[in-house]
Amino acid sequence: MELTRRGLLRSVCAGTAAFAGAALPVVSSLADDNALAFVEKTFGRGVTISSRVQLKMPSVSSSGYTVPMDIAIDTAMTENDHVRSVRVFAPGNPLLEVAGFNFVPGRSMPRVSTRIRLAKPQFVVAVAEMNDGALLANKVWVVVATNGCAWPPAGDLKA
């Protein structure tokens, strides 16, 4: 059996894909820790990961220019139980806060649907400030294509 350029190229591609797949959970867990630490540092107090904040985004986006995002907060929107504001952060972007929304009890629905811009693959974090001052958050890992590639080298992820 002789080795051809095509066979060598297939072997290199398969090995690279296997290595990238094995490194993916390590990179995303590092970015996860950095994203939460960033949000806590921004607010100056701890945030609680909560299922009351529902952040929906595609896990893979072909373009970072317009990534769809839906946010819904599980609250009655009464005077005693409402969300004051929601801030959305993308720690890997040049401008870290990508969106902010304010809500009024009894007059607004705690839902938002929009598109945001992402510079690179990263965790997007939505933080809801409730009427009692509690900070509830949720996060989603989003992979965006950069320079035509769906996944950049692990060294490019610094959240």
Protein backbone atom coordinates (compact mmCIF):
# COMPACT_ATOMS: atom_id res chain seq x y z
CA MET A 1 0.00 0.00 0.00
CA GLU A 2 1.52 3.30 -1.00
CA LEU A 3 0.78 6.68 0.55
CA THR A 4 -0.64 9.30 -1.81
CA ARG A 5 -1.16 13.01 -1.25
CA ARG A 6 -4.91 12.49 -1.15
CA GLY A 7 -4.61 9.74 1.48
CA LEU A 8 -2.27 11.88 3.56
CA LEU A 9 -4.66 14.84 3.34
CA ARG A 10 -7.60 12.66 4.46
CA SER A 11 -5.59 11.38 7.44
CA VAL A 12 -4.56 14.88 8.49
CA CYS A 13 -8.14 16.18 8.21
CA ALA A 14 -9.54 13.27 10.20
CA GLY A 15 -6.92 13.70 12.93
CA THR A 16 -7.52 17.45 13.13
CA ALA A 17 -11.29 16.97 13.38
CA ALA A 18 -10.86 14.37 16.13
CA PHE A 19 -8.51 16.65 18.07
CA ALA A 20 -10.84 19.65 17.73
CA GLY A 21 -13.81 17.56 18.87
CA ALA A 22 -11.90 16.37 21.92
CA ALA A 23 -10.80 19.92 22.83
CA LEU A 24 -14.28 21.47 22.42
CA PRO A 25 -15.66 20.65 25.92
CA VAL A 26 -12.50 21.97 27.60
CA VAL A 27 -12.58 25.26 25.68
CA SER A 28 -16.30 25.85 26.24
CA SER A 29 -16.03 25.11 29.99
CA LEU A 30 -13.18 27.61 30.29
CA ALA A 31 -15.23 30.20 28.40
CA ASP A 32 -18.23 29.37 30.63
CA ASP A 33 -16.28 30.17 33.81
CA ASN A 34 -14.88 33.37 32.31
CA ALA A 35 -18.31 34.57 31.10
CA LEU A 36 -19.94 34.13 34.52
CA ALA A 37 -16.98 35.74 36.29
CA PHE A 38 -17.22 38.68 33.89
CA VAL A 39 -20.94 39.19 34.60
CA GLU A 40 -20.44 39.00 38.37
CA LYS A 41 -17.60 41.52 38.11
CA THR A 42 -19.77 43.86 36.01
CA PHE A 43 -22.64 43.87 38.50
CA GLY A 44 -20.45 43.76 41.59
CA ARG A 45 -22.48 40.90 43.05
CA GLY A 46 -23.37 37.32 42.35
CA VAL A 47 -25.84 36.19 39.73
CA THR A 48 -27.99 33.07 39.91
CA ILE A 49 -28.38 30.79 36.92
CA SER A 50 -32.14 30.34 36.62
CA SER A 51 -34.57 28.58 34.31
CA ARG A 52 -36.89 31.58 34.74
CA VAL A 53 -34.72 33.39 32.19
CA GLN A 54 -35.15 31.62 28.86
CA LEU A 55 -32.49 32.57 26.32
CA LYS A 56 -32.89 30.92 22.92
CA MET A 57 -30.27 31.22 20.20
CA PRO A 58 -29.03 28.86 17.49
CA SER A 59 -26.06 26.78 18.61
CA VAL A 60 -24.38 27.36 15.23
CA SER A 61 -24.76 30.48 13.11
CA SER A 62 -23.38 30.81 9.60
CA SER A 63 -22.74 34.52 10.13
CA GLY A 64 -21.93 36.48 13.25
CA TYR A 65 -23.48 39.63 11.77
CA THR A 66 -27.11 38.74 12.54
CA VAL A 67 -27.64 36.02 15.13
CA PRO A 68 -31.30 35.61 16.21
CA MET A 69 -32.04 35.82 19.92
CA ASP A 70 -35.27 35.29 21.89
CA ILE A 71 -35.55 36.10 25.59
CA ALA A 72 -38.52 35.36 27.85
CA ILE A 73 -38.67 35.80 31.62
CA ASP A 74 -41.11 33.73 33.67
CA THR A 75 -42.82 36.35 35.82
CA ALA A 76 -46.36 37.59 36.46
CA MET A 77 -45.38 41.25 35.77
CA THR A 78 -47.34 42.48 38.81
CA GLU A 79 -46.11 45.13 41.26
CA ASN A 80 -44.84 42.37 43.59
CA ASP A 81 -43.25 40.13 40.95
CA HIS A 82 -41.75 41.71 37.84
CA VAL A 83 -38.55 42.10 35.89
CA ARG A 84 -37.06 45.61 35.78
CA SER A 85 -34.51 45.12 33.05
CA VAL A 86 -32.60 42.56 30.99
CA ARG A 87 -29.03 43.10 29.84
CA VAL A 88 -27.33 40.83 27.31
CA PHE A 89 -23.55 40.37 27.32
CA ALA A 90 -21.16 38.82 24.82
CA PRO A 91 -17.76 38.87 26.58
CA GLY A 92 -15.92 37.98 23.34
CA ASN A 93 -17.18 41.09 21.50
CA PRO A 94 -15.35 44.44 21.35
CA LEU A 95 -18.48 46.04 22.90
CA LEU A 96 -19.36 43.68 25.74
CA GLU A 97 -23.00 44.69 26.35
CA VAL A 98 -24.88 43.91 23.15
CA ALA A 99 -28.44 44.75 24.24
CA GLY A 100 -30.50 46.16 27.10
CA PHE A 101 -34.26 46.17 27.65
CA ASN A 102 -36.47 47.79 30.32
CA PHE A 103 -39.90 46.55 31.39
CA VAL A 104 -42.85 48.13 33.22
CA PRO A 105 -45.11 46.02 35.49
CA GLY A 106 -48.65 45.62 34.19
CA ARG A 107 -47.80 47.31 30.86
CA SER A 108 -45.27 45.12 29.13
CA MET A 109 -44.67 41.48 28.36
CA PRO A 110 -41.31 40.14 29.53
CA ARG A 111 -40.35 38.89 26.04
CA VAL A 112 -37.90 40.13 23.44
CA SER A 113 -36.99 38.89 19.99
CA THR A 114 -34.13 40.52 18.08
CA ARG A 115 -30.81 39.88 16.35
CA ILE A 116 -27.37 40.60 17.72
CA ARG A 117 -23.84 40.62 16.36
CA LEU A 118 -21.19 38.21 17.63
CA ALA A 119 -17.49 38.55 16.89
CA LYS A 120 -16.55 34.93 17.55
CA PRO A 121 -17.78 31.72 19.21
CA GLN A 122 -18.67 32.48 22.82
CA PHE A 123 -21.19 32.27 25.62
CA VAL A 124 -23.97 34.86 25.40
CA VAL A 125 -25.32 35.75 28.86
CA ALA A 126 -28.71 37.33 29.59
CA VAL A 127 -29.10 38.88 33.06
CA ALA A 128 -32.56 39.84 34.36
CA GLU A 129 -32.82 42.24 37.30
CA MET A 130 -35.97 41.44 39.24
CA ASN A 131 -38.00 43.89 41.35
CA ASP A 132 -36.50 42.52 44.59
CA GLY A 133 -32.96 43.18 43.28
CA ALA A 134 -32.17 39.55 42.47
CA LEU A 135 -30.05 38.95 39.39
CA LEU A 136 -31.20 35.92 37.40
CA ALA A 137 -29.17 34.77 34.41
CA ASN A 138 -28.97 32.20 31.68
CA LYS A 139 -26.30 31.55 29.08
CA VAL A 140 -26.03 29.91 25.67
CA TRP A 141 -22.92 28.80 23.74
CA VAL A 142 -23.05 30.05 20.14
CA VAL A 143 -20.58 29.06 17.42
CA VAL A 144 -20.31 31.62 14.60
CA ALA A 145 -18.48 31.27 11.31
CA THR A 146 -15.40 33.45 11.12
CA ASN A 147 -13.49 33.83 7.85
CA GLY A 148 -15.53 31.02 6.33
CA CYS A 149 -14.70 28.50 9.06
CA ALA A 150 -17.30 27.16 11.47
CA TRP A 151 -14.79 26.72 14.28
CA PRO A 152 -11.63 28.82 14.88
CA PRO A 153 -8.58 27.44 16.68
CA ALA A 154 -8.94 27.08 20.45
CA GLY A 155 -6.38 29.85 21.03
CA ASP A 156 -8.86 32.40 19.63
CA LEU A 157 -11.34 31.85 22.50
CA LYS A 158 -10.69 34.25 25.34
CA ALA A 159 -13.99 35.10 26.98
